[in-house]
Amino acid sequence: MNKSIRNIALGIFIALSLGGCSAPTVVQYADQKPVLDLSEYFAGTINAYGIFTDRSGVVKKRFTVLINANWKLIDGQKVGTLDESFEYSDGTKQKRIWTLTEISPGKYSGKADDVIGEAKGGSAGNALNWAYTLALPVDGTVYQVQFDDWMYLITPKVMLNKAKMSKFGIELGEVTLSFYKP
């Protein structure tokens, strides 16, 4: 095989290899059902059950979340409040109140007291992808960690959530949640 053909073949192989490593986008789920409507799913009371695993996969914390949610139309935009009460396996409790705004169909922003700046995300089909920085207290120190948060509506009552946590691009662990709407 001459050198130019070998270089072209190598270039195609590298391009295909890199394409296989690309991260998923929410648009890939556009045809998936049931369709996730945040203002419909996050309305009323939702129960969630979760774990935090470190980067080696060891479960470090288990927790439950009780969510009370409602939405209002403000200046033509849907604005939701998710009042989350966490209870961890070590007995500690935490509260987070999200304010979510649908800025355009399928595009959302969110704020909470422990979120640095603004969460941004989009939905398509049965999926939602969020990105945000959270002020996370650990042993008396607060760390700013990045979340890449994916939610998938499985049935009208059940949604699964996987969130990767990282700092400086280094994966710290993962949060896995199951939401159940009674």
C-alpha atoms as a PDB file:
ATOM      1  CA  MET A   1       0.000   0.000   0.000  1.00  0.00           C
ATOM      2  CA  ASN A   2       1.505   3.329  -0.941  1.00  0.00           C
ATOM      3  CA  LYS A   3       2.046   6.047   1.665  1.00  0.00           C
ATOM      4  CA  SER A   4      -0.787   8.402   0.571  1.00  0.00           C
ATOM      5  CA  ILE A   5      -3.428   5.627   0.650  1.00  0.00           C
ATOM      6  CA  ARG A   6      -2.162   4.543   4.083  1.00  0.00           C
ATOM      7  CA  ASN A   7      -2.408   8.166   5.333  1.00  0.00           C
ATOM      8  CA  ILE A   8      -5.959   8.507   3.973  1.00  0.00           C
ATOM      9  CA  ALA A   9      -6.971   5.201   5.611  1.00  0.00           C
ATOM     10  CA  LEU A  10      -5.388   6.316   8.890  1.00  0.00           C
ATOM     11  CA  GLY A  11      -7.229   9.657   8.672  1.00  0.00           C
ATOM     12  CA  ILE A  12     -10.586   7.926   8.116  1.00  0.00           C
ATOM     13  CA  PHE A  13      -9.899   5.539  11.013  1.00  0.00           C
ATOM     14  CA  ILE A  14      -9.060   8.433  13.375  1.00  0.00           C
ATOM     15  CA  ALA A  15     -12.135  10.406  12.294  1.00  0.00           C
ATOM     16  CA  LEU A  16     -14.411   7.403  12.863  1.00  0.00           C
ATOM     17  CA  SER A  17     -12.776   6.674  16.216  1.00  0.00           C
ATOM     18  CA  LEU A  18     -13.214  10.241  17.436  1.00  0.00           C
ATOM     19  CA  GLY A  19     -16.815  10.303  16.261  1.00  0.00           C
ATOM     20  CA  GLY A  20     -17.521   7.258  18.417  1.00  0.00           C
ATOM     21  CA  CYS A  21     -16.214   9.128  21.483  1.00  0.00           C
ATOM     22  CA  SER A  22     -18.476  12.152  21.143  1.00  0.00           C
ATOM     23  CA  ALA A  23     -20.916  12.852  23.953  1.00  0.00           C
ATOM     24  CA  PRO A  24     -24.635  12.338  23.413  1.00  0.00           C
ATOM     25  CA  THR A  25     -26.819  15.332  22.689  1.00  0.00           C
ATOM     26  CA  VAL A  26     -30.396  15.742  23.841  1.00  0.00           C
ATOM     27  CA  VAL A  27     -31.558  15.971  20.193  1.00  0.00           C
ATOM     28  CA  GLN A  28     -30.659  12.285  19.781  1.00  0.00           C
ATOM     29  CA  TYR A  29     -33.709  11.475  21.939  1.00  0.00           C
ATOM     30  CA  ALA A  30     -36.239  13.586  20.003  1.00  0.00           C
ATOM     31  CA  ASP A  31     -38.196  10.538  18.773  1.00  0.00           C
ATOM     32  CA  GLN A  32     -38.286   8.783  22.152  1.00  0.00           C
ATOM     33  CA  LYS A  33     -41.564   8.371  24.013  1.00  0.00           C
ATOM     34  CA  PRO A  34     -43.125   9.215  26.348  1.00  0.00           C
ATOM     35  CA  VAL A  35     -42.301  12.860  25.722  1.00  0.00           C
ATOM     36  CA  LEU A  36     -40.950  14.675  28.783  1.00  0.00           C
ATOM     37  CA  ASP A  37     -42.794  17.888  29.595  1.00  0.00           C
ATOM     38  CA  LEU A  38     -41.084  19.292  32.697  1.00  0.00           C
ATOM     39  CA  SER A  39     -44.087  21.346  33.766  1.00  0.00           C
ATOM     40  CA  GLU A  40     -46.272  18.250  33.532  1.00  0.00           C
ATOM     41  CA  TYR A  41     -43.944  15.766  35.233  1.00  0.00           C
ATOM     42  CA  PHE A  42     -42.712  18.128  37.937  1.00  0.00           C
ATOM     43  CA  ALA A  43     -46.161  19.124  39.209  1.00  0.00           C
ATOM     44  CA  GLY A  44     -47.429  18.111  42.622  1.00  0.00           C
ATOM     45  CA  THR A  45     -45.517  15.663  44.821  1.00  0.00           C
ATOM     46  CA  ILE A  46     -42.685  13.520  43.463  1.00  0.00           C
ATOM     47  CA  ASN A  47     -40.591  11.033  45.447  1.00  0.00           C
ATOM     48  CA  ALA A  48     -36.974  10.317  44.509  1.00  0.00           C
ATOM     49  CA  TYR A  49     -34.491   7.687  45.670  1.00  0.00           C
ATOM     50  CA  GLY A  50     -30.783   7.987  44.990  1.00  0.00           C
ATOM     51  CA  ILE A  51     -27.173   7.069  45.546  1.00  0.00           C
ATOM     52  CA  PHE A  52     -23.873   8.860  45.180  1.00  0.00           C
ATOM     53  CA  THR A  53     -20.991   6.701  43.954  1.00  0.00           C
ATOM     54  CA  ASP A  54     -17.354   7.747  43.888  1.00  0.00           C
ATOM     55  CA  ARG A  55     -15.343   7.455  40.679  1.00  0.00           C
ATOM     56  CA  SER A  56     -14.484   3.825  41.453  1.00  0.00           C
ATOM     57  CA  GLY A  57     -18.193   2.957  41.724  1.00  0.00           C
ATOM     58  CA  VAL A  58     -18.399   2.586  45.522  1.00  0.00           C
ATOM     59  CA  VAL A  59     -21.695   3.814  47.017  1.00  0.00           C
ATOM     60  CA  LYS A  60     -20.797   6.631  49.426  1.00  0.00           C
ATOM     61  CA  LYS A  61     -24.281   7.937  50.264  1.00  0.00           C
ATOM     62  CA  ARG A  62     -27.882   6.885  49.862  1.00  0.00           C
ATOM     63  CA  PHE A  63     -30.706   9.402  50.033  1.00  0.00           C
ATOM     64  CA  THR A  64     -34.373  10.135  49.486  1.00  0.00           C
ATOM     65  CA  VAL A  65     -35.920  13.330  48.175  1.00  0.00           C
ATOM     66  CA  LEU A  66     -39.436  14.640  48.597  1.00  0.00           C
ATOM     67  CA  ILE A  67     -40.226  17.192  45.884  1.00  0.00           C
ATOM     68  CA  ASN A  68     -43.180  19.565  45.904  1.00  0.00           C
ATOM     69  CA  ALA A  69     -43.466  21.280  42.541  1.00  0.00           C
ATOM     70  CA  ASN A  70     -45.685  23.804  40.818  1.00  0.00           C
ATOM     71  CA  TRP A  71     -45.621  26.009  37.727  1.00  0.00           C
ATOM     72  CA  LYS A  72     -46.993  29.454  36.900  1.00  0.00           C
ATOM     73  CA  LEU A  73     -47.149  31.525  33.763  1.00  0.00           C
ATOM     74  CA  ILE A  74     -45.113  34.709  34.365  1.00  0.00           C
ATOM     75  CA  ASP A  75     -44.690  37.246  31.553  1.00  0.00           C
ATOM     76  CA  GLY A  76     -45.583  34.558  29.038  1.00  0.00           C
ATOM     77  CA  GLN A  77     -42.990  32.075  30.329  1.00  0.00           C
ATOM     78  CA  LYS A  78     -43.550  28.880  32.307  1.00  0.00           C
ATOM     79  CA  VAL A  79     -41.786  29.233  35.672  1.00  0.00           C
ATOM     80  CA  GLY A  80     -41.574  26.269  38.023  1.00  0.00           C
ATOM     81  CA  THR A  81     -40.645  25.896  41.662  1.00  0.00           C
ATOM     82  CA  LEU A  82     -39.210  22.571  42.810  1.00  0.00           C
ATOM     83  CA  ASP A  83     -38.993  22.468  46.607  1.00  0.00           C
ATOM     84  CA  GLU A  84     -36.662  19.537  47.367  1.00  0.00           C
ATOM     85  CA  SER A  85     -36.175  18.009  50.840  1.00  0.00           C
ATOM     86  CA  PHE A  86     -33.238  15.579  50.993  1.00  0.00           C
ATOM     87  CA  GLU A  87     -32.660  13.001  53.714  1.00  0.00           C
ATOM     88  CA  TYR A  88     -29.343  11.149  53.624  1.00  0.00           C
ATOM     89  CA  SER A  89     -28.478   7.697  54.973  1.00  0.00           C
ATOM     90  CA  ASP A  90     -26.215   9.286  57.618  1.00  0.00           C
ATOM     91  CA  GLY A  91     -29.209  11.218  59.023  1.00  0.00           C
ATOM     92  CA  THR A  92     -28.317  14.627  57.577  1.00  0.00           C
ATOM     93  CA  LYS A  93     -30.953  16.699  55.840  1.00  0.00           C
ATOM     94  CA  GLN A  94     -30.737  19.311  53.110  1.00  0.00           C
ATOM     95  CA  LYS A  95     -33.130  21.642  51.338  1.00  0.00           C
ATOM     96  CA  ARG A  96     -32.859  22.958  47.777  1.00  0.00           C
ATOM     97  CA  ILE A  97     -35.443  25.113  46.039  1.00  0.00           C
ATOM     98  CA  TRP A  98     -35.084  25.316  42.272  1.00  0.00           C
ATOM     99  CA  THR A  99     -36.673  28.025  40.149  1.00  0.00           C
ATOM    100  CA  LEU A 100     -36.905  26.734  36.576  1.00  0.00           C
ATOM    101  CA  THR A 101     -37.800  28.871  33.570  1.00  0.00           C
ATOM    102  CA  GLU A 102     -38.731  27.598  30.147  1.00  0.00           C
ATOM    103  CA  ILE A 103     -36.928  30.232  28.060  1.00  0.00           C
ATOM    104  CA  SER A 104     -38.142  28.737  24.778  1.00  0.00           C
ATOM    105  CA  PRO A 105     -39.703  25.381  23.831  1.00  0.00           C
ATOM    106  CA  GLY A 106     -37.321  22.699  25.063  1.00  0.00           C
ATOM    107  CA  LYS A 107     -34.799  25.182  26.548  1.00  0.00           C
ATOM    108  CA  TYR A 108     -34.577  25.788  30.296  1.00  0.00           C
ATOM    109  CA  SER A 109     -32.643  27.785  32.845  1.00  0.00           C
ATOM    110  CA  GLY A 110     -32.590  27.147  36.558  1.00  0.00           C
ATOM    111  CA  LYS A 111     -31.459  28.752  39.778  1.00  0.00           C
ATOM    112  CA  ALA A 112     -31.068  27.559  43.356  1.00  0.00           C
ATOM    113  CA  ASP A 113     -29.209  29.005  46.352  1.00  0.00           C
ATOM    114  CA  ASP A 114     -26.365  26.480  46.085  1.00  0.00           C
ATOM    115  CA  VAL A 115     -26.080  26.656  42.288  1.00  0.00           C
ATOM    116  CA  ILE A 116     -23.300  28.978  41.103  1.00  0.00           C
ATOM    117  CA  GLY A 117     -24.687  31.121  38.300  1.00  0.00           C
ATOM    118  CA  GLU A 118     -27.402  29.472  36.290  1.00  0.00           C
ATOM    119  CA  ALA A 119     -28.172  25.921  35.243  1.00  0.00           C
ATOM    120  CA  LYS A 120     -28.836  25.575  31.533  1.00  0.00           C
ATOM    121  CA  GLY A 121     -30.417  22.716  29.714  1.00  0.00           C
ATOM    122  CA  GLY A 122     -32.603  21.380  27.003  1.00  0.00           C
ATOM    123  CA  SER A 123     -35.102  18.632  26.456  1.00  0.00           C
ATOM    124  CA  ALA A 124     -36.165  16.558  23.476  1.00  0.00           C
ATOM    125  CA  GLY A 125     -38.312  13.441  23.374  1.00  0.00           C
ATOM    126  CA  ASN A 126     -38.027  11.679  26.715  1.00  0.00           C
ATOM    127  CA  ALA A 127     -34.732  13.297  27.793  1.00  0.00           C
ATOM    128  CA  LEU A 128     -33.435  16.390  29.568  1.00  0.00           C
ATOM    129  CA  ASN A 129     -29.783  17.395  29.847  1.00  0.00           C
ATOM    130  CA  TRP A 130     -28.689  19.992  32.445  1.00  0.00           C
ATOM    131  CA  ALA A 131     -25.291  21.535  33.095  1.00  0.00           C
ATOM    132  CA  TYR A 132     -24.520  23.545  36.221  1.00  0.00           C
ATOM    133  CA  THR A 133     -22.002  24.237  38.980  1.00  0.00           C
ATOM    134  CA  LEU A 134     -23.005  23.345  42.527  1.00  0.00           C
ATOM    135  CA  ALA A 135     -21.495  24.628  45.794  1.00  0.00           C
ATOM    136  CA  LEU A 136     -21.039  21.277  47.527  1.00  0.00           C
ATOM    137  CA  PRO A 137     -20.179  21.201  51.257  1.00  0.00           C
ATOM    138  CA  VAL A 138     -17.853  18.327  52.230  1.00  0.00           C
ATOM    139  CA  ASP A 139     -16.378  18.043  55.734  1.00  0.00           C
ATOM    140  CA  GLY A 140     -16.565  21.782  56.454  1.00  0.00           C
ATOM    141  CA  THR A 141     -15.251  22.899  53.045  1.00  0.00           C
ATOM    142  CA  VAL A 142     -17.403  24.038  50.119  1.00  0.00           C
ATOM    143  CA  TYR A 143     -16.279  22.867  46.681  1.00  0.00           C
ATOM    144  CA  GLN A 144     -17.581  24.113  43.344  1.00  0.00           C
ATOM    145  CA  VAL A 145     -18.298  21.009  41.278  1.00  0.00           C
ATOM    146  CA  GLN A 146     -19.719  20.703  37.787  1.00  0.00           C
ATOM    147  CA  PHE A 147     -22.731  18.528  37.041  1.00  0.00           C
ATOM    148  CA  ASP A 148     -23.655  16.970  33.701  1.00  0.00           C
ATOM    149  CA  ASP A 149     -27.177  15.859  34.530  1.00  0.00           C
ATOM    150  CA  TRP A 150     -29.320  13.563  32.332  1.00  0.00           C
ATOM    151  CA  MET A 151     -32.962  12.676  33.009  1.00  0.00           C
ATOM    152  CA  TYR A 152     -34.975  10.098  31.047  1.00  0.00           C
ATOM    153  CA  LEU A 153     -38.741   9.706  31.328  1.00  0.00           C
ATOM    154  CA  ILE A 154     -39.442   5.966  31.369  1.00  0.00           C
ATOM    155  CA  THR A 155     -43.219   6.007  31.972  1.00  0.00           C
ATOM    156  CA  PRO A 156     -45.562   8.900  32.820  1.00  0.00           C
ATOM    157  CA  LYS A 157     -44.803   8.157  36.518  1.00  0.00           C
ATOM    158  CA  VAL A 158     -41.122   7.097  36.479  1.00  0.00           C
ATOM    159  CA  MET A 159     -38.030   9.066  35.504  1.00  0.00           C
ATOM    160  CA  LEU A 160     -34.365   8.044  35.858  1.00  0.00           C
ATOM    161  CA  ASN A 161     -31.521  10.499  36.413  1.00  0.00           C
ATOM    162  CA  LYS A 162     -27.740  10.109  36.026  1.00  0.00           C
ATOM    163  CA  ALA A 163     -25.499  13.024  36.896  1.00  0.00           C
ATOM    164  CA  LYS A 164     -21.724  13.028  36.525  1.00  0.00           C
ATOM    165  CA  MET A 165     -19.832  15.241  38.959  1.00  0.00           C
ATOM    166  CA  SER A 166     -16.438  16.682  38.060  1.00  0.00           C
ATOM    167  CA  LYS A 167     -13.936  19.334  39.106  1.00  0.00           C
ATOM    168  CA  PHE A 168     -11.298  20.707  36.745  1.00  0.00           C
ATOM    169  CA  GLY A 169     -12.505  18.119  34.210  1.00  0.00           C
ATOM    170  CA  ILE A 170     -11.731  15.214  36.549  1.00  0.00           C
ATOM    171  CA  GLU A 171     -14.680  12.940  37.303  1.00  0.00           C
ATOM    172  CA  LEU A 172     -15.429  12.781  41.035  1.00  0.00           C
ATOM    173  CA  GLY A 173     -18.411  10.481  40.993  1.00  0.00           C
ATOM    174  CA  GLU A 174     -21.969   9.989  39.882  1.00  0.00           C
ATOM    175  CA  VAL A 175     -25.424  10.569  41.304  1.00  0.00           C
ATOM    176  CA  THR A 176     -28.149   8.114  40.260  1.00  0.00           C
ATOM    177  CA  LEU A 177     -31.788   8.908  41.049  1.00  0.00           C
ATOM    178  CA  SER A 178     -35.144   7.359  40.355  1.00  0.00           C
ATOM    179  CA  PHE A 179     -38.155   9.664  40.471  1.00  0.00           C
ATOM    180  CA  TYR A 180     -41.626   8.337  41.139  1.00  0.00           C
ATOM    181  CA  LYS A 181     -44.781  10.379  40.726  1.00  0.00           C
ATOM    182  CA  PRO A 182     -47.642   8.804  42.744  1.00  0.00           C
END
